Amino acid sequence: MSEQKQSSIYPVKTTGGQERTVATFVANKAMQKKKPIYSILALDTWKGYVLFEAPNSQVVDESIQGFKHVRSKIPGMMQFQDIEKFLVTKSMVAELSDGDIVEIVAGPFKTMRAKIVRIETAKQEVTVVLLDTPYQLPVTVDAAYLKIVQKATGESKAASDTKNKS
């Protein structure tokens, strides 16, 4: 029979923009002192907060003590259901459509803007035409490397759909 560790999630208020610094510091401190902090979550969507999974509040209090970017520990704890929606990974391909203008955020074409010409859902790959070049250069990139800058308008989307069918 396997033992299941009981843990809860404790939110900690931090200096805005220092969430990752706090998470790294506390993780290192917890490992050095062998504190049972099971996970640390610093979400980009929650500015000024870091979540700690630990067996009790005292472990979190001891781990965050004395760090200048920690403002306070929020009294009480959170339920897993409260953060579950942030942990579910959704496919970037599902949000993309032909004709969208995107920015490439990783890889050799990082920071370049491009227009989507074909989407391969099964492979999670997208073929784009680079807009920042003097000639049309089609490139296939991983969908995770793209950030939507502008959604395709109904008119240009219909035109690209018609072009893809022929």
C-alpha atoms as a PDB file:
ATOM      1  CA  MET A   1       0.000   0.000   0.000  1.00  0.00           C
ATOM      2  CA  SER A   2       1.549   3.307  -1.059  1.00  0.00           C
ATOM      3  CA  GLU A   3       1.503   6.323   1.199  1.00  0.00           C
ATOM      4  CA  GLN A   4       0.086   9.486  -0.260  1.00  0.00           C
ATOM      5  CA  LYS A   5       1.588  12.710   1.066  1.00  0.00           C
ATOM      6  CA  GLN A   6      -0.973  15.240   2.227  1.00  0.00           C
ATOM      7  CA  SER A   7      -0.226  18.704   0.953  1.00  0.00           C
ATOM      8  CA  SER A   8      -1.889  22.042   0.459  1.00  0.00           C
ATOM      9  CA  ILE A   9      -1.235  25.063  -1.732  1.00  0.00           C
ATOM     10  CA  TYR A  10      -0.189  28.300  -0.038  1.00  0.00           C
ATOM     11  CA  PRO A  11      -0.103  31.647  -1.887  1.00  0.00           C
ATOM     12  CA  VAL A  12       2.668  34.143  -1.087  1.00  0.00           C
ATOM     13  CA  LYS A  13       2.580  37.824  -2.079  1.00  0.00           C
ATOM     14  CA  THR A  14       5.801  39.056  -3.685  1.00  0.00           C
ATOM     15  CA  THR A  15       7.250  42.181  -5.245  1.00  0.00           C
ATOM     16  CA  GLY A  16       5.771  42.547  -8.742  1.00  0.00           C
ATOM     17  CA  GLY A  17       8.068  41.113 -11.390  1.00  0.00           C
ATOM     18  CA  GLN A  18      10.134  39.156  -8.838  1.00  0.00           C
ATOM     19  CA  GLU A  19       7.988  35.992  -8.817  1.00  0.00           C
ATOM     20  CA  ARG A  20      10.624  33.803 -10.496  1.00  0.00           C
ATOM     21  CA  THR A  21      13.394  35.185  -8.293  1.00  0.00           C
ATOM     22  CA  VAL A  22      11.374  34.296  -5.203  1.00  0.00           C
ATOM     23  CA  ALA A  23      10.536  30.837  -6.580  1.00  0.00           C
ATOM     24  CA  THR A  24      14.211  30.088  -7.344  1.00  0.00           C
ATOM     25  CA  PHE A  25      15.430  31.421  -3.992  1.00  0.00           C
ATOM     26  CA  VAL A  26      12.880  29.451  -1.990  1.00  0.00           C
ATOM     27  CA  ALA A  27      13.514  26.284  -4.013  1.00  0.00           C
ATOM     28  CA  ASN A  28      17.261  26.508  -3.317  1.00  0.00           C
ATOM     29  CA  LYS A  29      16.729  27.292   0.359  1.00  0.00           C
ATOM     30  CA  ALA A  30      14.236  24.433   0.732  1.00  0.00           C
ATOM     31  CA  MET A  31      16.652  21.953  -0.890  1.00  0.00           C
ATOM     32  CA  GLN A  32      19.564  23.078   1.311  1.00  0.00           C
ATOM     33  CA  LYS A  33      17.545  22.817   4.518  1.00  0.00           C
ATOM     34  CA  LYS A  34      15.658  19.713   3.297  1.00  0.00           C
ATOM     35  CA  LYS A  35      12.253  21.383   3.690  1.00  0.00           C
ATOM     36  CA  PRO A  36       9.340  19.394   2.218  1.00  0.00           C
ATOM     37  CA  ILE A  37       8.180  21.855  -0.448  1.00  0.00           C
ATOM     38  CA  TYR A  38       6.784  19.645  -3.201  1.00  0.00           C
ATOM     39  CA  SER A  39       6.246  22.247  -5.911  1.00  0.00           C
ATOM     40  CA  ILE A  40       6.483  25.973  -6.601  1.00  0.00           C
ATOM     41  CA  LEU A  41       4.356  27.752  -9.188  1.00  0.00           C
ATOM     42  CA  ALA A  42       5.030  31.269 -10.507  1.00  0.00           C
ATOM     43  CA  LEU A  43       2.405  32.098 -13.144  1.00  0.00           C
ATOM     44  CA  ASP A  44       2.878  34.889 -15.693  1.00  0.00           C
ATOM     45  CA  THR A  45      -0.827  35.654 -15.351  1.00  0.00           C
ATOM     46  CA  TRP A  46      -0.626  36.183 -11.568  1.00  0.00           C
ATOM     47  CA  LYS A  47       1.708  39.127 -11.062  1.00  0.00           C
ATOM     48  CA  GLY A  48       2.950  39.465  -7.500  1.00  0.00           C
ATOM     49  CA  TYR A  49       2.086  35.928  -6.327  1.00  0.00           C
ATOM     50  CA  VAL A  50       3.894  32.597  -6.031  1.00  0.00           C
ATOM     51  CA  LEU A  51       2.163  29.367  -5.016  1.00  0.00           C
ATOM     52  CA  PHE A  52       3.849  26.749  -2.818  1.00  0.00           C
ATOM     53  CA  GLU A  53       2.734  23.167  -2.315  1.00  0.00           C
ATOM     54  CA  ALA A  54       3.789  21.947   1.119  1.00  0.00           C
ATOM     55  CA  PRO A  55       2.486  19.718   3.911  1.00  0.00           C
ATOM     56  CA  ASN A  56       1.696  22.707   6.157  1.00  0.00           C
ATOM     57  CA  SER A  57       1.863  26.467   6.478  1.00  0.00           C
ATOM     58  CA  GLN A  58       4.845  26.410   8.842  1.00  0.00           C
ATOM     59  CA  VAL A  59       7.136  24.895   6.184  1.00  0.00           C
ATOM     60  CA  VAL A  60       6.295  27.747   3.792  1.00  0.00           C
ATOM     61  CA  ASP A  61       6.759  30.379   6.530  1.00  0.00           C
ATOM     62  CA  GLU A  62      10.235  29.042   7.359  1.00  0.00           C
ATOM     63  CA  SER A  63      11.245  28.834   3.696  1.00  0.00           C
ATOM     64  CA  ILE A  64      10.245  32.396   2.743  1.00  0.00           C
ATOM     65  CA  GLN A  65      11.608  34.002   5.896  1.00  0.00           C
ATOM     66  CA  GLY A  66      14.219  36.731   5.372  1.00  0.00           C
ATOM     67  CA  PHE A  67      13.907  37.264   1.611  1.00  0.00           C
ATOM     68  CA  LYS A  68      13.443  40.901   0.593  1.00  0.00           C
ATOM     69  CA  HIS A  69      11.068  40.280  -2.342  1.00  0.00           C
ATOM     70  CA  VAL A  70       8.559  38.340  -0.213  1.00  0.00           C
ATOM     71  CA  ARG A  71       5.825  40.683   1.027  1.00  0.00           C
ATOM     72  CA  SER A  72       3.625  38.296   3.025  1.00  0.00           C
ATOM     73  CA  LYS A  73       2.062  34.871   3.101  1.00  0.00           C
ATOM     74  CA  ILE A  74      -1.659  34.980   2.390  1.00  0.00           C
ATOM     75  CA  PRO A  75      -3.559  33.433   5.321  1.00  0.00           C
ATOM     76  CA  GLY A  76      -5.240  30.129   4.534  1.00  0.00           C
ATOM     77  CA  MET A  77      -4.705  27.806   1.632  1.00  0.00           C
ATOM     78  CA  MET A  78      -5.962  27.258  -1.901  1.00  0.00           C
ATOM     79  CA  GLN A  79      -7.618  24.213  -3.363  1.00  0.00           C
ATOM     80  CA  PHE A  80      -6.131  22.395  -6.338  1.00  0.00           C
ATOM     81  CA  GLN A  81      -9.328  23.139  -8.299  1.00  0.00           C
ATOM     82  CA  ASP A  82      -8.533  26.879  -8.037  1.00  0.00           C
ATOM     83  CA  ILE A  83      -5.307  26.547 -10.028  1.00  0.00           C
ATOM     84  CA  GLU A  84      -6.146  23.530 -12.192  1.00  0.00           C
ATOM     85  CA  LYS A  85      -7.336  25.736 -15.068  1.00  0.00           C
ATOM     86  CA  PHE A  86      -3.845  27.282 -15.271  1.00  0.00           C
ATOM     87  CA  LEU A  87      -2.131  23.884 -15.423  1.00  0.00           C
ATOM     88  CA  VAL A  88      -4.094  22.451 -18.337  1.00  0.00           C
ATOM     89  CA  THR A  89      -2.030  22.744 -21.473  1.00  0.00           C
ATOM     90  CA  LYS A  90      -3.947  23.667 -24.554  1.00  0.00           C
ATOM     91  CA  SER A  91      -2.626  23.218 -28.032  1.00  0.00           C
ATOM     92  CA  MET A  92      -1.398  26.404 -29.668  1.00  0.00           C
ATOM     93  CA  VAL A  93      -2.502  24.977 -33.032  1.00  0.00           C
ATOM     94  CA  ALA A  94      -6.139  25.158 -31.899  1.00  0.00           C
ATOM     95  CA  GLU A  95      -5.860  28.945 -31.531  1.00  0.00           C
ATOM     96  CA  LEU A  96      -4.171  29.532 -34.894  1.00  0.00           C
ATOM     97  CA  SER A  97      -5.852  29.898 -38.274  1.00  0.00           C
ATOM     98  CA  ASP A  98      -4.727  30.552 -41.845  1.00  0.00           C
ATOM     99  CA  GLY A  99      -4.000  34.215 -42.499  1.00  0.00           C
ATOM    100  CA  ASP A 100      -3.146  35.092 -38.884  1.00  0.00           C
ATOM    101  CA  ILE A 101      -0.172  37.398 -38.403  1.00  0.00           C
ATOM    102  CA  VAL A 102       2.184  35.931 -35.789  1.00  0.00           C
ATOM    103  CA  GLU A 103       5.507  36.705 -34.153  1.00  0.00           C
ATOM    104  CA  ILE A 104       8.084  33.940 -33.907  1.00  0.00           C
ATOM    105  CA  VAL A 105       9.267  33.848 -30.274  1.00  0.00           C
ATOM    106  CA  ALA A 106      11.994  31.180 -30.476  1.00  0.00           C
ATOM    107  CA  GLY A 107      14.415  29.587 -32.877  1.00  0.00           C
ATOM    108  CA  PRO A 108      16.531  31.128 -35.653  1.00  0.00           C
ATOM    109  CA  PHE A 109      13.714  33.429 -36.811  1.00  0.00           C
ATOM    110  CA  LYS A 110      13.028  34.826 -33.325  1.00  0.00           C
ATOM    111  CA  THR A 111      11.313  38.290 -33.276  1.00  0.00           C
ATOM    112  CA  MET A 112      10.309  38.061 -36.953  1.00  0.00           C
ATOM    113  CA  ARG A 113       6.692  38.557 -37.997  1.00  0.00           C
ATOM    114  CA  ALA A 114       5.033  36.101 -40.337  1.00  0.00           C
ATOM    115  CA  LYS A 115       1.702  35.173 -41.912  1.00  0.00           C
ATOM    116  CA  ILE A 116       0.314  31.652 -41.518  1.00  0.00           C
ATOM    117  CA  VAL A 117      -0.209  29.822 -44.811  1.00  0.00           C
ATOM    118  CA  ARG A 118      -0.676  26.206 -43.657  1.00  0.00           C
ATOM    119  CA  ILE A 119      -1.327  24.418 -40.359  1.00  0.00           C
ATOM    120  CA  GLU A 120      -0.422  20.772 -39.739  1.00  0.00           C
ATOM    121  CA  THR A 121      -2.424  19.936 -36.629  1.00  0.00           C
ATOM    122  CA  ALA A 122      -1.144  16.359 -36.286  1.00  0.00           C
ATOM    123  CA  LYS A 123       2.514  17.461 -36.203  1.00  0.00           C
ATOM    124  CA  GLN A 124       1.857  20.687 -34.248  1.00  0.00           C
ATOM    125  CA  GLU A 125       3.685  22.552 -37.029  1.00  0.00           C
ATOM    126  CA  VAL A 126       2.783  25.691 -38.928  1.00  0.00           C
ATOM    127  CA  THR A 127       4.106  26.916 -42.274  1.00  0.00           C
ATOM    128  CA  VAL A 128       4.472  30.676 -42.344  1.00  0.00           C
ATOM    129  CA  VAL A 129       5.694  33.270 -44.819  1.00  0.00           C
ATOM    130  CA  LEU A 130       8.122  35.724 -43.240  1.00  0.00           C
ATOM    131  CA  LEU A 131       6.978  39.345 -43.553  1.00  0.00           C
ATOM    132  CA  ASP A 132      10.266  40.954 -42.496  1.00  0.00           C
ATOM    133  CA  THR A 133      12.157  39.744 -45.576  1.00  0.00           C
ATOM    134  CA  PRO A 134      12.289  41.371 -49.040  1.00  0.00           C
ATOM    135  CA  TYR A 135      11.104  38.118 -50.652  1.00  0.00           C
ATOM    136  CA  GLN A 136       8.538  35.485 -49.673  1.00  0.00           C
ATOM    137  CA  LEU A 137      10.254  32.824 -47.608  1.00  0.00           C
ATOM    138  CA  PRO A 138       8.025  29.956 -46.433  1.00  0.00           C
ATOM    139  CA  VAL A 139       9.269  28.397 -43.190  1.00  0.00           C
ATOM    140  CA  THR A 140       7.830  25.535 -41.134  1.00  0.00           C
ATOM    141  CA  VAL A 141       8.035  26.114 -37.376  1.00  0.00           C
ATOM    142  CA  ASP A 142       6.713  24.480 -34.223  1.00  0.00           C
ATOM    143  CA  ALA A 143       3.360  25.991 -33.203  1.00  0.00           C
ATOM    144  CA  ALA A 144       4.697  26.609 -29.677  1.00  0.00           C
ATOM    145  CA  TYR A 145       7.179  29.117 -31.166  1.00  0.00           C
ATOM    146  CA  LEU A 146       4.398  31.440 -32.332  1.00  0.00           C
ATOM    147  CA  LYS A 147       2.545  34.288 -30.669  1.00  0.00           C
ATOM    148  CA  ILE A 148      -0.553  35.725 -32.341  1.00  0.00           C
ATOM    149  CA  VAL A 149      -0.131  39.394 -33.206  1.00  0.00           C
ATOM    150  CA  GLN A 150      -3.275  39.844 -35.303  1.00  0.00           C
ATOM    151  CA  LYS A 151      -6.091  37.438 -36.087  1.00  0.00           C
ATOM    152  CA  ALA A 152      -7.052  37.048 -39.734  1.00  0.00           C
ATOM    153  CA  THR A 153     -10.042  39.144 -40.761  1.00  0.00           C
ATOM    154  CA  GLY A 154     -13.017  37.290 -42.207  1.00  0.00           C
ATOM    155  CA  GLU A 155     -12.201  38.508 -45.746  1.00  0.00           C
ATOM    156  CA  SER A 156      -8.523  37.488 -45.802  1.00  0.00           C
ATOM    157  CA  LYS A 157      -9.297  34.217 -44.003  1.00  0.00           C
ATOM    158  CA  ALA A 158     -11.889  33.297 -46.617  1.00  0.00           C
ATOM    159  CA  ALA A 159      -9.407  34.085 -49.390  1.00  0.00           C
ATOM    160  CA  SER A 160      -6.687  31.930 -47.815  1.00  0.00           C
ATOM    161  CA  ASP A 161      -9.186  29.084 -47.185  1.00  0.00           C
ATOM    162  CA  THR A 162     -10.178  29.178 -50.859  1.00  0.00           C
ATOM    163  CA  LYS A 163      -6.508  29.189 -51.908  1.00  0.00           C
ATOM    164  CA  ASN A 164      -5.715  26.175 -49.674  1.00  0.00           C
ATOM    165  CA  LYS A 165      -8.603  24.121 -51.107  1.00  0.00           C
ATOM    166  CA  SER A 166      -7.480  24.540 -54.713  1.00  0.00           C
END
